[in-house]
Amino acid sequence: MLTKDNDISDNYLLLDSGNLQKLEQVGKYRLIRPALNAFWPPSLSKKEWNEAIGTFTRNSSGGGKWQWKQRPPLSWKINYGNYTLIAKPTDFGHLGFFPEQIDNWEWLTKTVSKTPHLQTLNLFAYSGGSTLAMAKGEANVCHVDAAKGMVDWAKDNLSVNPQIPTNIRWIVDDVNKFINRELKRNKTYPGIVLDPPSFGRGPRGQIWKIEQDLIPLLKNLKNLMGSKPRFMLLSMHSHGFSPNSLERILFSLFNDKGTVNQGEMIIREQSGKKLSAGIFATWHC
């Protein structure tokens, strides 16, 4: 839920990166989080970095913890990419949004606006950045995530963006179970977005491993897109994949038809330098 500090509204900005970390201005709070591909030395001074009020450090088991000089509120609002988003430092080191998705959000809004009220599906939908982007383009969006807390967070994000239509269906469910149910109902979603995790568990303990489960999932999704598929956006933060591998996967899925674009998801620093923070591929016809 929103806190009393939610009247604070300011911008998100990547200030600097280096030494496997990134320095972010998240509204009025400056934070340091891991950036495991930032092998270069930082550009800004130690003084600038020392102004961070919190640092998230990963441990050898894949978890981590925040260390605070000054604790921020449980949540606060920031402006980013023409959206208002609710930021919350989580136990996993996330803030509740992925700034590297900004170009994908713009692409989604532009793409869905070409077909009014297109039926779209956002899987592993997290706190709803892509959902908001498609709803902004007047698509009918089905938002699916296995974690009720994340779906509630996405609903809160919608509530602070009154300019965005509310044509969103919210689903808390295991992705594979949801897809199988919709296939049996002969439902179709010509536009699909997914950002699958490397590993995950559904609400009833279902295990997801991207290496073995991605291709079967995508084959089911192609069937769910119906006879007139429009687009698919596949983004990823998993090791072992590359933009080229995602391109090959989508071309294979759609029998070399349509157009595929791929690349790295980039966060732009205030200096203009770029930090790579994931990969993506889009297919459209």
C-alpha atoms as a PDB file:
ATOM      1  CA  MET A   1       0.000   0.000   0.000  1.00  0.00           C
ATOM      2  CA  LEU A   2       1.048   3.601  -0.448  1.00  0.00           C
ATOM      3  CA  THR A   3       2.705   5.390   2.441  1.00  0.00           C
ATOM      4  CA  LYS A   4       2.326   8.936   3.717  1.00  0.00           C
ATOM      5  CA  ASP A   5       5.478   9.885   1.814  1.00  0.00           C
ATOM      6  CA  ASN A   6       3.863   9.197  -1.524  1.00  0.00           C
ATOM      7  CA  ASP A   7       3.271  12.876  -2.201  1.00  0.00           C
ATOM      8  CA  ILE A   8       6.991  13.032  -3.067  1.00  0.00           C
ATOM      9  CA  SER A   9       7.443  12.899  -6.832  1.00  0.00           C
ATOM     10  CA  ASP A  10      10.765  13.192  -8.613  1.00  0.00           C
ATOM     11  CA  ASN A  11      12.754  11.597 -11.409  1.00  0.00           C
ATOM     12  CA  TYR A  12      14.758   8.415 -11.695  1.00  0.00           C
ATOM     13  CA  LEU A  13      18.298   8.889 -13.012  1.00  0.00           C
ATOM     14  CA  LEU A  14      21.282   6.589 -13.405  1.00  0.00           C
ATOM     15  CA  LEU A  15      24.111   8.762 -12.163  1.00  0.00           C
ATOM     16  CA  ASP A  16      27.122   6.501 -12.689  1.00  0.00           C
ATOM     17  CA  SER A  17      28.354   2.920 -12.809  1.00  0.00           C
ATOM     18  CA  GLY A  18      31.592   1.062 -12.212  1.00  0.00           C
ATOM     19  CA  ASN A  19      33.328  -1.463  -9.973  1.00  0.00           C
ATOM     20  CA  LEU A  20      30.357  -3.814 -10.528  1.00  0.00           C
ATOM     21  CA  GLN A  21      27.900  -1.291  -9.076  1.00  0.00           C
ATOM     22  CA  LYS A  22      25.507   1.436 -10.225  1.00  0.00           C
ATOM     23  CA  LEU A  23      24.706   4.728  -8.527  1.00  0.00           C
ATOM     24  CA  GLU A  24      21.044   5.702  -8.912  1.00  0.00           C
ATOM     25  CA  GLN A  25      19.014   8.751  -7.956  1.00  0.00           C
ATOM     26  CA  VAL A  26      15.561   7.343  -7.189  1.00  0.00           C
ATOM     27  CA  GLY A  27      13.483  10.412  -6.482  1.00  0.00           C
ATOM     28  CA  LYS A  28      15.171  12.164  -3.582  1.00  0.00           C
ATOM     29  CA  TYR A  29      17.004   9.008  -2.472  1.00  0.00           C
ATOM     30  CA  ARG A  30      20.431   8.014  -3.776  1.00  0.00           C
ATOM     31  CA  LEU A  31      21.102   4.264  -3.829  1.00  0.00           C
ATOM     32  CA  ILE A  32      23.852   1.844  -4.860  1.00  0.00           C
ATOM     33  CA  ARG A  33      22.960  -1.529  -6.365  1.00  0.00           C
ATOM     34  CA  PRO A  34      24.908  -4.284  -8.152  1.00  0.00           C
ATOM     35  CA  ALA A  35      25.739  -3.969 -11.853  1.00  0.00           C
ATOM     36  CA  LEU A  36      27.673  -7.152 -12.514  1.00  0.00           C
ATOM     37  CA  ASN A  37      28.842  -6.141 -16.001  1.00  0.00           C
ATOM     38  CA  ALA A  38      30.158  -2.700 -14.975  1.00  0.00           C
ATOM     39  CA  PHE A  39      33.837  -3.686 -15.007  1.00  0.00           C
ATOM     40  CA  TRP A  40      35.125  -0.149 -15.578  1.00  0.00           C
ATOM     41  CA  PRO A  41      36.061   2.394 -12.897  1.00  0.00           C
ATOM     42  CA  PRO A  42      33.367   4.901 -11.884  1.00  0.00           C
ATOM     43  CA  SER A  43      33.322   8.308 -13.562  1.00  0.00           C
ATOM     44  CA  LEU A  44      32.047  10.269 -10.561  1.00  0.00           C
ATOM     45  CA  SER A  45      34.010  10.979  -7.417  1.00  0.00           C
ATOM     46  CA  LYS A  46      33.917   8.970  -4.197  1.00  0.00           C
ATOM     47  CA  LYS A  47      32.148  11.947  -2.631  1.00  0.00           C
ATOM     48  CA  GLU A  48      29.251  11.539  -5.066  1.00  0.00           C
ATOM     49  CA  TRP A  49      29.022   7.818  -4.338  1.00  0.00           C
ATOM     50  CA  ASN A  50      29.277   8.366  -0.593  1.00  0.00           C
ATOM     51  CA  GLU A  51      26.106  10.452  -0.713  1.00  0.00           C
ATOM     52  CA  ALA A  52      24.089   7.261  -1.253  1.00  0.00           C
ATOM     53  CA  ILE A  53      21.845   6.496   1.714  1.00  0.00           C
ATOM     54  CA  GLY A  54      21.678   2.755   0.988  1.00  0.00           C
ATOM     55  CA  THR A  55      23.722   0.013  -0.646  1.00  0.00           C
ATOM     56  CA  PHE A  56      22.507  -3.423  -1.667  1.00  0.00           C
ATOM     57  CA  THR A  57      25.224  -6.106  -1.573  1.00  0.00           C
ATOM     58  CA  ARG A  58      24.796  -9.614  -2.948  1.00  0.00           C
ATOM     59  CA  ASN A  59      26.088 -12.677  -1.119  1.00  0.00           C
ATOM     60  CA  SER A  60      27.472 -15.973  -2.419  1.00  0.00           C
ATOM     61  CA  SER A  61      24.099 -17.726  -2.151  1.00  0.00           C
ATOM     62  CA  GLY A  62      22.470 -15.319  -4.626  1.00  0.00           C
ATOM     63  CA  GLY A  63      20.650 -13.279  -2.011  1.00  0.00           C
ATOM     64  CA  GLY A  64      21.804 -10.112  -0.365  1.00  0.00           C
ATOM     65  CA  LYS A  65      20.923  -7.290   1.983  1.00  0.00           C
ATOM     66  CA  TRP A  66      20.544  -3.539   2.193  1.00  0.00           C
ATOM     67  CA  GLN A  67      22.828  -1.472   4.363  1.00  0.00           C
ATOM     68  CA  TRP A  68      21.322   1.889   5.282  1.00  0.00           C
ATOM     69  CA  LYS A  69      22.857   5.155   6.410  1.00  0.00           C
ATOM     70  CA  GLN A  70      19.350   6.562   6.451  1.00  0.00           C
ATOM     71  CA  ARG A  71      16.236   4.449   5.930  1.00  0.00           C
ATOM     72  CA  PRO A  72      13.867   5.717   3.234  1.00  0.00           C
ATOM     73  CA  PRO A  73      10.087   5.277   3.543  1.00  0.00           C
ATOM     74  CA  LEU A  74       8.606   1.906   2.680  1.00  0.00           C
ATOM     75  CA  SER A  75       7.593   3.304  -0.713  1.00  0.00           C
ATOM     76  CA  TRP A  76       7.647   6.550  -2.643  1.00  0.00           C
ATOM     77  CA  LYS A  77       6.711   7.820  -6.093  1.00  0.00           C
ATOM     78  CA  ILE A  78       9.115   8.635  -8.924  1.00  0.00           C
ATOM     79  CA  ASN A  79       8.680   9.879 -12.479  1.00  0.00           C
ATOM     80  CA  TYR A  80      10.198   7.874 -15.277  1.00  0.00           C
ATOM     81  CA  GLY A  81       9.400   7.676 -18.977  1.00  0.00           C
ATOM     82  CA  ASN A  82       6.153   9.682 -18.688  1.00  0.00           C
ATOM     83  CA  TYR A  83       4.928   7.342 -15.959  1.00  0.00           C
ATOM     84  CA  THR A  84       4.593   7.671 -12.222  1.00  0.00           C
ATOM     85  CA  LEU A  85       5.971   4.541 -10.565  1.00  0.00           C
ATOM     86  CA  ILE A  86       6.005   3.384  -6.966  1.00  0.00           C
ATOM     87  CA  ALA A  87       9.529   2.526  -5.823  1.00  0.00           C
ATOM     88  CA  LYS A  88      10.160   0.117  -2.946  1.00  0.00           C
ATOM     89  CA  PRO A  89      13.552  -1.368  -2.011  1.00  0.00           C
ATOM     90  CA  THR A  90      12.940  -5.123  -1.846  1.00  0.00           C
ATOM     91  CA  ASP A  91      14.816  -7.923  -0.125  1.00  0.00           C
ATOM     92  CA  PHE A  92      16.114  -8.991  -3.556  1.00  0.00           C
ATOM     93  CA  GLY A  93      17.667  -5.595  -4.263  1.00  0.00           C
ATOM     94  CA  HIS A  94      14.956  -4.590  -6.737  1.00  0.00           C
ATOM     95  CA  LEU A  95      13.086  -1.287  -6.677  1.00  0.00           C
ATOM     96  CA  GLY A  96       9.880  -2.424  -8.361  1.00  0.00           C
ATOM     97  CA  PHE A  97      10.662  -1.300 -11.887  1.00  0.00           C
ATOM     98  CA  PHE A  98      13.330  -2.023 -14.475  1.00  0.00           C
ATOM     99  CA  PRO A  99      14.543   1.247 -16.038  1.00  0.00           C
ATOM    100  CA  GLU A 100      16.224  -0.663 -18.871  1.00  0.00           C
ATOM    101  CA  GLN A 101      12.736  -1.480 -20.216  1.00  0.00           C
ATOM    102  CA  ILE A 102      11.998   2.133 -21.152  1.00  0.00           C
ATOM    103  CA  ASP A 103      12.575   1.687 -24.897  1.00  0.00           C
ATOM    104  CA  ASN A 104      10.454  -1.474 -24.883  1.00  0.00           C
ATOM    105  CA  TRP A 105       7.613   0.412 -23.191  1.00  0.00           C
ATOM    106  CA  GLU A 106       7.702   3.041 -25.916  1.00  0.00           C
ATOM    107  CA  TRP A 107       7.718   0.341 -28.603  1.00  0.00           C
ATOM    108  CA  LEU A 108       4.747  -1.412 -27.000  1.00  0.00           C
ATOM    109  CA  THR A 109       2.612   1.736 -26.815  1.00  0.00           C
ATOM    110  CA  LYS A 110       3.360   2.561 -30.441  1.00  0.00           C
ATOM    111  CA  THR A 111       2.755  -1.005 -31.615  1.00  0.00           C
ATOM    112  CA  VAL A 112      -0.577  -1.613 -29.875  1.00  0.00           C
ATOM    113  CA  SER A 113      -1.936   1.810 -30.862  1.00  0.00           C
ATOM    114  CA  LYS A 114      -1.977   0.655 -34.499  1.00  0.00           C
ATOM    115  CA  THR A 115      -4.758  -1.820 -33.633  1.00  0.00           C
ATOM    116  CA  PRO A 116      -7.294  -0.310 -31.217  1.00  0.00           C
ATOM    117  CA  HIS A 117      -8.380  -2.557 -28.355  1.00  0.00           C
ATOM    118  CA  LEU A 118      -5.952  -5.325 -29.295  1.00  0.00           C
ATOM    119  CA  GLN A 119      -6.065  -8.278 -26.891  1.00  0.00           C
ATOM    120  CA  THR A 120      -2.646  -8.483 -25.246  1.00  0.00           C
ATOM    121  CA  LEU A 121      -1.024 -10.587 -22.553  1.00  0.00           C
ATOM    122  CA  ASN A 122       1.786  -9.673 -20.154  1.00  0.00           C
ATOM    123  CA  LEU A 123       3.343 -12.742 -18.491  1.00  0.00           C
ATOM    124  CA  PHE A 124       5.712 -12.735 -15.499  1.00  0.00           C
ATOM    125  CA  ALA A 125       4.313  -9.218 -15.421  1.00  0.00           C
ATOM    126  CA  TYR A 126       5.935  -8.020 -12.175  1.00  0.00           C
ATOM    127  CA  SER A 127       4.826  -4.507 -11.188  1.00  0.00           C
ATOM    128  CA  GLY A 128       3.299  -3.721 -14.545  1.00  0.00           C
ATOM    129  CA  GLY A 129       5.522  -1.383 -16.552  1.00  0.00           C
ATOM    130  CA  SER A 130       4.702  -3.160 -19.822  1.00  0.00           C
ATOM    131  CA  THR A 131       1.068  -3.454 -18.762  1.00  0.00           C
ATOM    132  CA  LEU A 132       0.837   0.310 -18.333  1.00  0.00           C
ATOM    133  CA  ALA A 133       2.565   0.864 -21.678  1.00  0.00           C
ATOM    134  CA  MET A 134       0.074  -1.327 -23.548  1.00  0.00           C
ATOM    135  CA  ALA A 135      -2.928   0.089 -21.715  1.00  0.00           C
ATOM    136  CA  LYS A 136      -1.665   3.563 -22.613  1.00  0.00           C
ATOM    137  CA  GLY A 137      -1.894   2.516 -26.285  1.00  0.00           C
ATOM    138  CA  GLU A 138      -5.526   1.461 -25.645  1.00  0.00           C
ATOM    139  CA  ALA A 139      -4.894  -2.269 -25.757  1.00  0.00           C
ATOM    140  CA  ASN A 140      -6.958  -4.645 -23.640  1.00  0.00           C
ATOM    141  CA  VAL A 141      -4.327  -6.104 -21.328  1.00  0.00           C
ATOM    142  CA  CYS A 142      -4.264  -9.308 -19.288  1.00  0.00           C
ATOM    143  CA  HIS A 143      -1.600  -9.026 -16.571  1.00  0.00           C
ATOM    144  CA  VAL A 144      -0.402 -12.366 -15.125  1.00  0.00           C
ATOM    145  CA  ASP A 145       2.025 -12.944 -12.271  1.00  0.00           C
ATOM    146  CA  ALA A 146       2.264 -15.772  -9.734  1.00  0.00           C
ATOM    147  CA  ALA A 147       2.861 -13.381  -6.820  1.00  0.00           C
ATOM    148  CA  LYS A 148      -0.201 -11.603  -5.456  1.00  0.00           C
ATOM    149  CA  GLY A 149       2.004  -8.928  -3.936  1.00  0.00           C
ATOM    150  CA  MET A 150       3.383  -8.024  -7.355  1.00  0.00           C
ATOM    151  CA  VAL A 151      -0.072  -7.862  -8.910  1.00  0.00           C
ATOM    152  CA  ASP A 152      -1.170  -5.559  -6.081  1.00  0.00           C
ATOM    153  CA  TRP A 153       1.909  -3.419  -6.710  1.00  0.00           C
ATOM    154  CA  ALA A 154       0.999  -3.183 -10.407  1.00  0.00           C
ATOM    155  CA  LYS A 155      -2.527  -2.120  -9.457  1.00  0.00           C
ATOM    156  CA  ASP A 156      -1.054   0.620  -7.258  1.00  0.00           C
ATOM    157  CA  ASN A 157       1.092   1.761 -10.197  1.00  0.00           C
ATOM    158  CA  LEU A 158      -2.041   2.059 -12.317  1.00  0.00           C
ATOM    159  CA  SER A 159      -3.781   4.024  -9.559  1.00  0.00           C
ATOM    160  CA  VAL A 160      -1.111   6.767  -9.666  1.00  0.00           C
ATOM    161  CA  ASN A 161      -1.370   7.081 -13.459  1.00  0.00           C
ATOM    162  CA  PRO A 162      -4.927   8.364 -13.953  1.00  0.00           C
ATOM    163  CA  GLN A 163      -4.182   9.215 -17.591  1.00  0.00           C
ATOM    164  CA  ILE A 164      -3.906   5.499 -18.451  1.00  0.00           C
ATOM    165  CA  PRO A 165      -7.083   3.549 -19.340  1.00  0.00           C
ATOM    166  CA  THR A 166      -8.089   0.880 -16.837  1.00  0.00           C
ATOM    167  CA  ASN A 167      -8.779  -1.826 -19.428  1.00  0.00           C
ATOM    168  CA  ILE A 168      -6.623  -4.352 -17.564  1.00  0.00           C
ATOM    169  CA  ARG A 169      -7.486  -7.829 -16.306  1.00  0.00           C
ATOM    170  CA  TRP A 170      -5.440  -8.841 -13.254  1.00  0.00           C
ATOM    171  CA  ILE A 171      -4.549 -12.526 -12.771  1.00  0.00           C
ATOM    172  CA  VAL A 172      -2.600 -14.190  -9.937  1.00  0.00           C
ATOM    173  CA  ASP A 173      -1.628 -17.598 -11.300  1.00  0.00           C
ATOM    174  CA  ASP A 174       1.165 -19.843 -12.501  1.00  0.00           C
ATOM    175  CA  VAL A 175       1.904 -18.823 -16.091  1.00  0.00           C
ATOM    176  CA  ASN A 176       1.746 -22.316 -17.580  1.00  0.00           C
ATOM    177  CA  LYS A 177      -1.519 -23.138 -15.814  1.00  0.00           C
ATOM    178  CA  PHE A 178      -3.056 -19.911 -17.010  1.00  0.00           C
ATOM    179  CA  ILE A 179      -1.981 -20.515 -20.618  1.00  0.00           C
ATOM    180  CA  ASN A 180      -3.309 -24.073 -20.664  1.00  0.00           C
ATOM    181  CA  ARG A 181      -6.633 -22.880 -19.282  1.00  0.00           C
ATOM    182  CA  GLU A 182      -6.933 -20.116 -21.887  1.00  0.00           C
ATOM    183  CA  LEU A 183      -6.088 -22.545 -24.704  1.00  0.00           C
ATOM    184  CA  LYS A 184      -8.899 -24.829 -23.576  1.00  0.00           C
ATOM    185  CA  ARG A 185     -11.233 -21.830 -23.619  1.00  0.00           C
ATOM    186  CA  ASN A 186     -10.121 -20.943 -27.175  1.00  0.00           C
ATOM    187  CA  LYS A 187      -9.024 -17.506 -26.018  1.00  0.00           C
ATOM    188  CA  THR A 188      -6.551 -15.629 -28.201  1.00  0.00           C
ATOM    189  CA  TYR A 189      -4.020 -12.888 -27.473  1.00  0.00           C
ATOM    190  CA  PRO A 190      -2.421 -11.612 -30.712  1.00  0.00           C
ATOM    191  CA  GLY A 191       0.098  -9.534 -28.730  1.00  0.00           C
ATOM    192  CA  ILE A 192       2.237 -11.106 -25.998  1.00  0.00           C
ATOM    193  CA  VAL A 193       4.959  -9.769 -23.691  1.00  0.00           C
ATOM    194  CA  LEU A 194       7.097 -11.873 -21.391  1.00  0.00           C
ATOM    195  CA  ASP A 195      10.163 -11.352 -19.228  1.00  0.00           C
ATOM    196  CA  PRO A 196      10.712 -14.826 -17.762  1.00  0.00           C
ATOM    197  CA  PRO A 197      12.918 -15.373 -14.720  1.00  0.00           C
ATOM    198  CA  SER A 198      15.854 -17.759 -14.744  1.00  0.00           C
ATOM    199  CA  PHE A 199      14.234 -19.752 -11.952  1.00  0.00           C
ATOM    200  CA  GLY A 200      10.966 -19.439 -10.125  1.00  0.00           C
ATOM    201  CA  ARG A 201       8.166 -21.105  -8.199  1.00  0.00           C
ATOM    202  CA  GLY A 202       4.450 -20.757  -8.766  1.00  0.00           C
ATOM    203  CA  PRO A 203       1.928 -20.158  -5.956  1.00  0.00           C
ATOM    204  CA  ARG A 204       1.579 -23.937  -5.464  1.00  0.00           C
ATOM    205  CA  GLY A 205       5.270 -24.764  -5.702  1.00  0.00           C
ATOM    206  CA  GLN A 206       5.490 -25.196  -9.469  1.00  0.00           C
ATOM    207  CA  ILE A 207       9.127 -24.948 -10.566  1.00  0.00           C
ATOM    208  CA  TRP A 208      10.233 -22.891 -13.552  1.00  0.00           C
ATOM    209  CA  LYS A 209      13.698 -23.335 -15.127  1.00  0.00           C
ATOM    210  CA  ILE A 210      14.267 -21.184 -18.177  1.00  0.00           C
ATOM    211  CA  GLU A 211      16.697 -23.561 -19.911  1.00  0.00           C
ATOM    212  CA  GLN A 212      14.154 -26.364 -20.092  1.00  0.00           C
ATOM    213  CA  ASP A 213      10.833 -24.519 -19.948  1.00  0.00           C
ATOM    214  CA  LEU A 214      11.213 -21.515 -22.291  1.00  0.00           C
ATOM    215  CA  ILE A 215      10.780 -23.247 -25.657  1.00  0.00           C
ATOM    216  CA  PRO A 216       7.700 -25.304 -24.655  1.00  0.00           C
ATOM    217  CA  LEU A 217       6.192 -22.127 -23.202  1.00  0.00           C
ATOM    218  CA  LEU A 218       6.787 -20.174 -26.410  1.00  0.00           C
ATOM    219  CA  LYS A 219       5.209 -22.919 -28.527  1.00  0.00           C
ATOM    220  CA  ASN A 220       2.086 -22.751 -26.386  1.00  0.00           C
ATOM    221  CA  LEU A 221       2.096 -18.965 -26.646  1.00  0.00           C
ATOM    222  CA  LYS A 222       2.244 -19.117 -30.432  1.00  0.00           C
ATOM    223  CA  ASN A 223      -0.937 -21.213 -30.350  1.00  0.00           C
ATOM    224  CA  LEU A 224      -2.485 -18.726 -27.932  1.00  0.00           C
ATOM    225  CA  MET A 225      -1.816 -15.871 -30.373  1.00  0.00           C
ATOM    226  CA  GLY A 226      -4.386 -17.362 -32.764  1.00  0.00           C
ATOM    227  CA  SER A 227      -4.497 -17.183 -36.552  1.00  0.00           C
ATOM    228  CA  LYS A 228      -3.542 -13.492 -36.744  1.00  0.00           C
ATOM    229  CA  PRO A 229      -0.580 -12.925 -34.422  1.00  0.00           C
ATOM    230  CA  ARG A 230       0.631  -9.332 -34.221  1.00  0.00           C
ATOM    231  CA  PHE A 231       3.676  -9.118 -31.969  1.00  0.00           C
ATOM    232  CA  MET A 232       5.770 -10.725 -29.275  1.00  0.00           C
ATOM    233  CA  LEU A 233       8.282  -9.039 -26.971  1.00  0.00           C
ATOM    234  CA  LEU A 234      10.682 -11.389 -25.191  1.00  0.00           C
ATOM    235  CA  SER A 235      13.107  -9.811 -22.713  1.00  0.00           C
ATOM    236  CA  MET A 236      15.505 -11.517 -20.374  1.00  0.00           C
ATOM    237  CA  HIS A 237      18.088 -11.068 -17.629  1.00  0.00           C
ATOM    238  CA  SER A 238      19.366 -14.670 -17.638  1.00  0.00           C
ATOM    239  CA  HIS A 239      22.949 -15.767 -18.216  1.00  0.00           C
ATOM    240  CA  GLY A 240      23.666 -18.017 -21.187  1.00  0.00           C
ATOM    241  CA  PHE A 241      21.397 -16.151 -23.610  1.00  0.00           C
ATOM    242  CA  SER A 242      22.318 -13.402 -26.063  1.00  0.00           C
ATOM    243  CA  PRO A 243      20.336 -11.042 -28.315  1.00  0.00           C
ATOM    244  CA  ASN A 244      21.234 -13.298 -31.229  1.00  0.00           C
ATOM    245  CA  SER A 245      19.929 -16.381 -29.415  1.00  0.00           C
ATOM    246  CA  LEU A 246      16.602 -14.653 -28.757  1.00  0.00           C
ATOM    247  CA  GLU A 247      16.424 -13.656 -32.421  1.00  0.00           C
ATOM    248  CA  ARG A 248      17.016 -17.245 -33.502  1.00  0.00           C
ATOM    249  CA  ILE A 249      14.381 -18.495 -31.056  1.00  0.00           C
ATOM    250  CA  LEU A 250      11.714 -16.109 -32.362  1.00  0.00           C
ATOM    251  CA  PHE A 251      12.524 -16.701 -36.031  1.00  0.00           C
ATOM    252  CA  SER A 252      12.284 -20.435 -35.415  1.00  0.00           C
ATOM    253  CA  LEU A 253       9.015 -20.022 -33.522  1.00  0.00           C
ATOM    254  CA  PHE A 254       7.391 -18.057 -36.346  1.00  0.00           C
ATOM    255  CA  ASN A 255       8.922 -20.086 -39.211  1.00  0.00           C
ATOM    256  CA  ASP A 256      11.123 -17.213 -40.431  1.00  0.00           C
ATOM    257  CA  LYS A 257       8.052 -15.035 -41.079  1.00  0.00           C
ATOM    258  CA  GLY A 258       7.639 -11.479 -39.866  1.00  0.00           C
ATOM    259  CA  THR A 259      10.313  -9.099 -38.604  1.00  0.00           C
ATOM    260  CA  VAL A 260      12.613  -9.655 -35.628  1.00  0.00           C
ATOM    261  CA  ASN A 261      14.648  -6.954 -33.923  1.00  0.00           C
ATOM    262  CA  GLN A 262      16.998  -7.654 -31.046  1.00  0.00           C
ATOM    263  CA  GLY A 263      19.538  -5.985 -28.836  1.00  0.00           C
ATOM    264  CA  GLU A 264      20.634  -5.067 -25.345  1.00  0.00           C
ATOM    265  CA  MET A 265      18.400  -3.223 -22.926  1.00  0.00           C
ATOM    266  CA  ILE A 266      20.235  -0.052 -22.032  1.00  0.00           C
ATOM    267  CA  ILE A 267      20.093   2.438 -19.165  1.00  0.00           C
ATOM    268  CA  ARG A 268      21.543   5.808 -20.113  1.00  0.00           C
ATOM    269  CA  GLU A 269      23.646   7.580 -17.512  1.00  0.00           C
ATOM    270  CA  GLN A 270      23.436  11.329 -17.000  1.00  0.00           C
ATOM    271  CA  SER A 271      26.736  11.639 -18.886  1.00  0.00           C
ATOM    272  CA  GLY A 272      25.327   9.873 -21.938  1.00  0.00           C
ATOM    273  CA  LYS A 273      27.271   6.678 -21.285  1.00  0.00           C
ATOM    274  CA  LYS A 274      25.327   3.435 -21.442  1.00  0.00           C
ATOM    275  CA  LEU A 275      24.928   0.505 -19.076  1.00  0.00           C
ATOM    276  CA  SER A 276      23.687  -2.784 -20.500  1.00  0.00           C
ATOM    277  CA  ALA A 277      21.097  -4.407 -18.215  1.00  0.00           C
ATOM    278  CA  GLY A 278      19.529  -7.260 -20.134  1.00  0.00           C
ATOM    279  CA  ILE A 279      18.552  -8.397 -23.621  1.00  0.00           C
ATOM    280  CA  PHE A 280      15.414  -8.394 -25.732  1.00  0.00           C
ATOM    281  CA  ALA A 281      13.955  -9.461 -29.054  1.00  0.00           C
ATOM    282  CA  THR A 282      10.723  -8.331 -30.696  1.00  0.00           C
ATOM    283  CA  TRP A 283       8.733 -10.087 -33.425  1.00  0.00           C
ATOM    284  CA  HIS A 284       5.969  -8.409 -35.384  1.00  0.00           C
ATOM    285  CA  CYS A 285       4.182  -8.861 -38.668  1.00  0.00           C
END
